């Protein structure tokens, strides 16, 4: 199955979590394409049945999806209707608010949310990717 992972490049930890998740999904036999939010093109995303988007808590009290990631989600064609998973890096007071904000921004683009997660480590992201049942 084709899976697209889009992540915020503002924090290095999100990139590491995205690539750990990629590795776990690939071990299940999925074809995974990873896109930083700075990509000029998101070629191939239309082929993906599932979309995973990673972010972080921008602040404790007014957590929002980082602007660059939100802009990337707005310009990606063909993500409406994709079965989608949102994740953030665990830690901090604004973690839950950041996850809710990310899911809202994804739903505005027509994504069908199937899960939301907070990863505390690359190992946790890898294990999730290795065991998640994508249908």
N, C-alpha and C. Protein backbone atom coordinates (compact mmCIF):
# COMPACT_ATOMS: atom_id res chain seq x y z
N UNK A 1 0.84 -1.18 0.00
CA UNK A 1 0.00 0.00 0.00
C UNK A 1 0.89 1.25 0.00
N UNK A 2 0.44 2.29 -0.66
CA UNK A 2 1.19 3.55 -0.73
C UNK A 2 0.81 4.44 0.45
N UNK A 3 1.84 4.95 1.14
CA UNK A 3 1.65 5.82 2.28
C UNK A 3 2.52 7.06 2.09
N UNK A 4 1.94 8.23 2.29
CA UNK A 4 2.70 9.48 2.23
C UNK A 4 2.87 10.05 3.62
N UNK A 5 4.07 10.49 3.95
CA UNK A 5 4.34 11.12 5.24
C UNK A 5 4.80 12.54 4.97
N UNK A 6 4.12 13.50 5.56
CA UNK A 6 4.49 14.91 5.45
C UNK A 6 4.84 15.38 6.85
N UNK A 7 5.95 16.09 6.98
CA UNK A 7 6.36 16.52 8.33
C UNK A 7 6.87 17.95 8.33
N UNK A 8 6.76 18.56 9.50
CA UNK A 8 7.26 19.92 9.71
C UNK A 8 8.78 19.87 9.82
N UNK A 9 9.44 20.77 9.11
CA UNK A 9 10.91 20.83 9.14
C UNK A 9 11.42 21.79 10.20
N UNK A 10 10.52 22.39 10.97
CA UNK A 10 10.94 23.36 11.98
C UNK A 10 11.73 22.74 13.12
N UNK A 11 11.47 21.48 13.41
CA UNK A 11 12.16 20.78 14.50
C UNK A 11 12.75 19.48 13.96
N UNK A 12 14.02 19.27 14.21
CA UNK A 12 14.72 18.08 13.72
C UNK A 12 14.09 16.79 14.26
N UNK A 13 13.54 16.84 15.47
CA UNK A 13 12.95 15.65 16.08
C UNK A 13 11.78 15.13 15.24
N UNK A 14 11.02 16.01 14.61
CA UNK A 14 9.88 15.58 13.80
C UNK A 14 10.37 14.83 12.56
N UNK A 15 11.45 15.31 11.97
CA UNK A 15 12.04 14.62 10.82
C UNK A 15 12.49 13.21 11.22
N UNK A 16 13.14 13.10 12.38
CA UNK A 16 13.60 11.79 12.85
C UNK A 16 12.43 10.85 13.11
N UNK A 17 11.35 11.37 13.70
CA UNK A 17 10.16 10.55 13.94
C UNK A 17 9.54 10.09 12.61
N UNK A 18 9.48 10.99 11.63
CA UNK A 18 8.91 10.65 10.32
C UNK A 18 9.70 9.54 9.65
N UNK A 19 11.02 9.61 9.72
CA UNK A 19 11.84 8.58 9.07
C UNK A 19 11.81 7.25 9.84
N UNK A 20 11.66 7.31 11.14
CA UNK A 20 11.51 6.07 11.92
C UNK A 20 10.18 5.41 11.57
N UNK A 21 9.14 6.20 11.44
CA UNK A 21 7.84 5.70 11.04
C UNK A 21 7.91 5.10 9.63
N UNK A 22 8.61 5.77 8.75
CA UNK A 22 8.81 5.28 7.39
C UNK A 22 9.45 3.89 7.41
N UNK A 23 10.48 3.75 8.20
CA UNK A 23 11.20 2.47 8.26
C UNK A 23 10.27 1.34 8.75
N UNK A 24 9.48 1.62 9.79
CA UNK A 24 8.55 0.62 10.29
C UNK A 24 7.51 0.23 9.27
N UNK A 25 6.95 1.22 8.57
CA UNK A 25 5.96 0.94 7.54
C UNK A 25 6.56 0.14 6.38
N UNK A 26 7.78 0.46 6.01
CA UNK A 26 8.44 -0.28 4.93
C UNK A 26 8.67 -1.74 5.31
N UNK A 27 8.94 -1.99 6.57
CA UNK A 27 9.13 -3.37 7.01
C UNK A 27 7.85 -4.19 6.89
N UNK A 28 6.72 -3.51 6.89
CA UNK A 28 5.44 -4.19 6.68
C UNK A 28 5.18 -4.43 5.19
N UNK A 29 6.02 -3.85 4.34
CA UNK A 29 5.85 -4.02 2.90
C UNK A 29 5.16 -2.86 2.21
N UNK A 30 4.91 -1.77 2.94
CA UNK A 30 4.28 -0.60 2.34
C UNK A 30 5.30 0.20 1.54
N UNK A 31 4.83 0.84 0.49
CA UNK A 31 5.65 1.79 -0.26
C UNK A 31 5.43 3.15 0.39
N UNK A 32 6.50 3.74 0.92
CA UNK A 32 6.37 4.98 1.69
C UNK A 32 7.18 6.09 1.03
N UNK A 33 6.54 7.24 0.88
CA UNK A 33 7.21 8.43 0.35
C UNK A 33 7.13 9.51 1.42
N UNK A 34 8.29 10.10 1.75
CA UNK A 34 8.37 11.11 2.80
C UNK A 34 8.57 12.49 2.16
N UNK A 35 7.80 13.45 2.62
CA UNK A 35 7.84 14.81 2.08
C UNK A 35 8.04 15.81 3.22
N UNK A 36 9.14 16.57 3.21
CA UNK A 36 9.24 17.68 4.17
C UNK A 36 8.27 18.78 3.74
N UNK A 37 7.86 19.62 4.67
CA UNK A 37 6.92 20.69 4.32
C UNK A 37 7.53 21.74 3.41
N UNK A 38 8.83 21.65 3.18
CA UNK A 38 9.52 22.58 2.29
C UNK A 38 9.60 22.06 0.85
N UNK A 39 9.01 20.90 0.58
CA UNK A 39 9.05 20.33 -0.77
C UNK A 39 8.42 21.28 -1.78
N UNK A 40 9.05 21.36 -2.93
CA UNK A 40 8.50 22.16 -4.02
C UNK A 40 7.35 21.41 -4.68
N UNK A 41 7.46 20.10 -4.69
CA UNK A 41 6.43 19.27 -5.31
C UNK A 41 6.09 18.11 -4.39
N UNK A 42 4.86 17.71 -4.44
CA UNK A 42 4.41 16.57 -3.65
C UNK A 42 3.98 15.46 -4.62
N UNK A 43 4.81 15.27 -5.65
CA UNK A 43 4.51 14.28 -6.68
C UNK A 43 4.37 12.90 -6.05
N UNK A 44 3.35 12.21 -6.44
CA UNK A 44 3.11 10.86 -5.94
C UNK A 44 2.14 10.80 -4.78
N UNK A 45 1.81 11.93 -4.19
CA UNK A 45 0.92 11.91 -3.02
C UNK A 45 -0.49 11.46 -3.42
N UNK A 46 -0.89 11.73 -4.65
CA UNK A 46 -2.23 11.33 -5.11
C UNK A 46 -2.38 9.81 -5.14
N UNK A 47 -1.28 9.09 -5.33
CA UNK A 47 -1.30 7.62 -5.35
C UNK A 47 -1.43 7.01 -3.96
N UNK A 48 -1.14 7.78 -2.94
CA UNK A 48 -1.14 7.26 -1.57
C UNK A 48 -2.56 7.09 -1.06
N UNK A 49 -2.81 5.94 -0.47
CA UNK A 49 -4.12 5.69 0.13
C UNK A 49 -4.18 6.30 1.53
N UNK A 50 -3.02 6.34 2.18
CA UNK A 50 -2.93 6.87 3.55
C UNK A 50 -1.96 8.04 3.59
N UNK A 51 -2.26 8.97 4.50
CA UNK A 51 -1.43 10.14 4.69
C UNK A 51 -1.12 10.27 6.18
N UNK A 52 0.14 10.48 6.50
CA UNK A 52 0.56 10.69 7.89
C UNK A 52 1.23 12.06 7.94
N UNK A 53 0.82 12.88 8.91
CA UNK A 53 1.36 14.24 9.00
C UNK A 53 1.90 14.45 10.41
N UNK A 54 3.16 14.95 10.48
CA UNK A 54 3.82 15.16 11.76
C UNK A 54 4.10 16.61 12.05
N UNK A 55 3.89 16.99 13.32
CA UNK A 55 4.09 18.37 13.76
C UNK A 55 4.61 18.38 15.19
N UNK A 56 4.55 19.55 15.81
CA UNK A 56 5.03 19.74 17.18
C UNK A 56 4.20 20.83 17.84
N UNK A 57 4.34 20.96 19.15
CA UNK A 57 3.63 22.01 19.89
C UNK A 57 4.38 23.32 19.70
N UNK A 58 3.73 24.29 19.06
CA UNK A 58 4.37 25.58 18.79
C UNK A 58 4.45 26.45 20.04
N UNK A 59 3.46 26.31 20.93
CA UNK A 59 3.49 27.01 22.21
C UNK A 59 2.55 26.28 23.17
N UNK A 60 2.70 26.56 24.44
CA UNK A 60 1.92 25.84 25.44
C UNK A 60 0.45 26.25 25.45
N UNK A 61 0.16 27.51 25.18
CA UNK A 61 -1.20 27.99 25.35
C UNK A 61 -1.96 28.23 24.05
N UNK A 62 -1.26 28.56 22.99
CA UNK A 62 -1.90 28.77 21.70
C UNK A 62 -1.23 27.91 20.64
N UNK A 63 -1.23 26.63 20.90
CA UNK A 63 -0.60 25.70 19.96
C UNK A 63 -1.33 25.72 18.63
N UNK A 64 -0.57 25.85 17.56
CA UNK A 64 -1.10 25.85 16.20
C UNK A 64 -0.22 24.99 15.33
N UNK A 65 -0.77 24.61 14.20
CA UNK A 65 0.04 23.94 13.20
C UNK A 65 1.03 24.96 12.67
N UNK A 66 2.32 24.61 12.59
CA UNK A 66 3.30 25.56 12.06
C UNK A 66 2.87 26.09 10.68
N UNK A 67 3.09 27.35 10.43
CA UNK A 67 2.62 28.01 9.20
C UNK A 67 3.09 27.30 7.93
N UNK A 68 4.35 26.90 7.89
CA UNK A 68 4.87 26.25 6.68
C UNK A 68 4.17 24.92 6.41
N UNK A 69 3.90 24.16 7.47
CA UNK A 69 3.20 22.88 7.32
C UNK A 69 1.75 23.12 6.90
N UNK A 70 1.10 24.10 7.50
CA UNK A 70 -0.27 24.44 7.13
C UNK A 70 -0.34 24.87 5.67
N UNK A 71 0.63 25.69 5.23
CA UNK A 71 0.68 26.11 3.82
C UNK A 71 0.89 24.92 2.89
N UNK A 72 1.75 24.00 3.31
CA UNK A 72 2.00 22.80 2.49
C UNK A 72 0.71 21.99 2.35
N UNK A 73 -0.01 21.80 3.45
CA UNK A 73 -1.27 21.06 3.38
C UNK A 73 -2.27 21.75 2.45
N UNK A 74 -2.27 23.07 2.45
CA UNK A 74 -3.18 23.82 1.59
C UNK A 74 -2.86 23.67 0.11
N UNK A 75 -1.58 23.47 -0.23
CA UNK A 75 -1.22 23.44 -1.65
C UNK A 75 -1.10 22.03 -2.24
N UNK A 76 -1.23 21.01 -1.41
CA UNK A 76 -1.11 19.64 -1.92
C UNK A 76 -2.41 19.23 -2.60
N UNK A 77 -2.32 18.90 -3.88
CA UNK A 77 -3.55 18.46 -4.57
C UNK A 77 -3.85 16.99 -4.24
N UNK A 78 -5.10 16.68 -4.17
CA UNK A 78 -5.50 15.27 -4.05
C UNK A 78 -5.42 14.65 -2.68
N UNK A 79 -5.43 15.44 -1.59
CA UNK A 79 -5.39 14.80 -0.27
C UNK A 79 -6.78 14.62 0.34
N UNK A 80 -7.76 15.21 -0.29
CA UNK A 80 -9.13 15.06 0.20
C UNK A 80 -9.55 13.60 0.14
N UNK A 81 -10.11 13.11 1.23
CA UNK A 81 -10.58 11.73 1.30
C UNK A 81 -9.54 10.71 1.71
N UNK A 82 -8.29 11.13 1.88
CA UNK A 82 -7.24 10.19 2.29
C UNK A 82 -7.44 9.78 3.74
N UNK A 83 -7.26 8.51 4.02
CA UNK A 83 -7.27 8.02 5.40
C UNK A 83 -5.99 8.55 6.04
N UNK A 84 -6.14 9.29 7.12
CA UNK A 84 -5.01 10.07 7.63
C UNK A 84 -4.75 9.88 9.12
N UNK A 85 -3.47 10.03 9.45
CA UNK A 85 -3.00 9.93 10.83
C UNK A 85 -2.19 11.18 11.13
N UNK A 86 -2.44 11.80 12.28
CA UNK A 86 -1.68 12.96 12.73
C UNK A 86 -0.79 12.54 13.88
N UNK A 87 0.44 13.06 13.90
CA UNK A 87 1.31 12.81 15.06
C UNK A 87 2.07 14.05 15.45
N UNK A 88 2.41 14.10 16.73
CA UNK A 88 3.26 15.16 17.27
C UNK A 88 4.32 14.51 18.15
N UNK A 89 5.36 15.28 18.41
CA UNK A 89 6.39 14.83 19.35
C UNK A 89 5.84 15.01 20.77
N UNK A 90 5.97 13.97 21.57
CA UNK A 90 5.46 14.00 22.94
C UNK A 90 6.30 14.95 23.78
N UNK A 91 5.63 15.62 24.69
CA UNK A 91 6.32 16.50 25.62
C UNK A 91 5.77 17.91 25.57
N UNK A 92 5.66 18.49 26.69
CA UNK A 92 5.21 19.88 26.75
C UNK A 92 3.73 19.99 27.02
N UNK A 93 3.36 21.15 27.50
CA UNK A 93 1.98 21.42 27.88
C UNK A 93 1.06 21.50 26.67
N UNK A 94 1.53 22.03 25.56
CA UNK A 94 0.69 22.25 24.39
C UNK A 94 0.56 21.07 23.45
N UNK A 95 1.05 19.92 23.86
CA UNK A 95 1.05 18.73 22.99
C UNK A 95 -0.35 18.38 22.47
N UNK A 96 -1.31 18.28 23.36
CA UNK A 96 -2.67 17.90 22.97
C UNK A 96 -3.30 18.96 22.07
N UNK A 97 -3.10 20.23 22.42
CA UNK A 97 -3.65 21.32 21.60
C UNK A 97 -3.03 21.31 20.20
N UNK A 98 -1.74 21.01 20.13
CA UNK A 98 -1.06 20.96 18.83
C UNK A 98 -1.63 19.84 17.97
N UNK A 99 -1.91 18.71 18.59
CA UNK A 99 -2.49 17.58 17.87
C UNK A 99 -3.89 17.91 17.36
N UNK A 100 -4.69 18.54 18.20
CA UNK A 100 -6.04 18.94 17.80
C UNK A 100 -5.98 19.96 16.66
N UNK A 101 -5.09 20.93 16.75
CA UNK A 101 -4.93 21.94 15.70
C UNK A 101 -4.51 21.30 14.38
N UNK A 102 -3.57 20.36 14.45
CA UNK A 102 -3.12 19.66 13.24
C UNK A 102 -4.27 18.88 12.61
N UNK A 103 -5.02 18.17 13.43
CA UNK A 103 -6.15 17.40 12.90
C UNK A 103 -7.19 18.30 12.26
N UNK A 104 -7.47 19.45 12.87
CA UNK A 104 -8.43 20.40 12.30
C UNK A 104 -7.95 20.90 10.94
N UNK A 105 -6.66 21.22 10.83
CA UNK A 105 -6.12 21.70 9.56
C UNK A 105 -6.17 20.60 8.50
N UNK A 106 -5.93 19.36 8.91
CA UNK A 106 -6.02 18.25 7.96
C UNK A 106 -7.46 18.02 7.51
N UNK A 107 -8.39 18.10 8.45
CA UNK A 107 -9.80 17.91 8.11
C UNK A 107 -10.31 19.01 7.19
N UNK A 108 -9.79 20.22 7.33
CA UNK A 108 -10.17 21.33 6.44
C UNK A 108 -9.82 21.00 4.99
N UNK A 109 -8.79 20.19 4.82
CA UNK A 109 -8.36 19.81 3.47
C UNK A 109 -9.06 18.54 2.99
N UNK A 110 -9.97 18.02 3.82
CA UNK A 110 -10.75 16.85 3.42
C UNK A 110 -10.18 15.52 3.86
N UNK A 111 -9.15 15.54 4.69
CA UNK A 111 -8.57 14.28 5.17
C UNK A 111 -9.56 13.58 6.10
N UNK A 112 -9.60 12.26 6.01
CA UNK A 112 -10.44 11.44 6.88
C UNK A 112 -9.55 10.89 7.99
N UNK A 113 -9.67 11.44 9.19
CA UNK A 113 -8.79 11.09 10.30
C UNK A 113 -9.12 9.70 10.84
N UNK A 114 -8.09 8.85 10.92
CA UNK A 114 -8.29 7.51 11.47
C UNK A 114 -7.51 7.31 12.77
N UNK A 115 -6.54 8.19 13.04
CA UNK A 115 -5.76 8.05 14.27
C UNK A 115 -5.00 9.33 14.56
N UNK A 116 -4.61 9.47 15.84
CA UNK A 116 -3.76 10.58 16.27
C UNK A 116 -2.83 10.05 17.35
N UNK A 117 -1.59 10.49 17.30
CA UNK A 117 -0.58 9.94 18.20
C UNK A 117 0.40 10.99 18.67
N UNK A 118 1.00 10.69 19.82
CA UNK A 118 2.14 11.45 20.32
C UNK A 118 3.28 10.45 20.50
N UNK A 119 4.38 10.68 19.81
CA UNK A 119 5.54 9.80 19.92
C UNK A 119 6.57 10.41 20.85
N UNK A 120 7.08 9.60 21.77
CA UNK A 120 8.11 10.07 22.70
C UNK A 120 9.51 9.74 22.21
N UNK A 121 9.62 8.86 21.21
CA UNK A 121 10.95 8.48 20.71
C UNK A 121 10.85 7.94 19.29
N UNK A 122 11.99 7.88 18.63
CA UNK A 122 12.06 7.28 17.30
C UNK A 122 11.66 5.81 17.37
N UNK A 123 12.06 5.15 18.43
CA UNK A 123 11.72 3.73 18.60
C UNK A 123 10.20 3.53 18.65
N UNK A 124 9.53 4.41 19.36
CA UNK A 124 8.07 4.32 19.45
C UNK A 124 7.42 4.53 18.08
N UNK A 125 7.92 5.49 17.30
CA UNK A 125 7.41 5.74 15.95
C UNK A 125 7.66 4.54 15.05
N UNK A 126 8.86 3.98 15.16
CA UNK A 126 9.21 2.79 14.36
C UNK A 126 8.29 1.62 14.70
N UNK A 127 8.09 1.37 15.98
CA UNK A 127 7.23 0.26 16.42
C UNK A 127 5.79 0.45 15.95
N UNK A 128 5.30 1.68 16.00
CA UNK A 128 3.96 1.94 15.50
C UNK A 128 3.89 1.62 14.01
N UNK A 129 4.88 2.11 13.25
CA UNK A 129 4.91 1.85 11.81
C UNK A 129 4.98 0.37 11.49
N UNK A 130 5.67 -0.36 12.32
CA UNK A 130 5.86 -1.79 12.12
C UNK A 130 4.59 -2.60 12.44
N UNK A 131 3.74 -2.06 13.30
CA UNK A 131 2.59 -2.83 13.76
C UNK A 131 1.23 -2.28 13.34
N UNK A 132 1.16 -1.04 12.86
CA UNK A 132 -0.13 -0.46 12.52
C UNK A 132 -0.79 -1.25 11.39
N UNK A 133 -2.09 -1.40 11.50
CA UNK A 133 -2.85 -2.14 10.49
C UNK A 133 -3.56 -1.13 9.59
N UNK A 134 -3.00 -0.87 8.43
CA UNK A 134 -3.60 0.06 7.48
C UNK A 134 -4.45 -0.74 6.51
N UNK A 135 -5.70 -0.33 6.35
CA UNK A 135 -6.61 -1.02 5.43
C UNK A 135 -7.02 -0.10 4.31
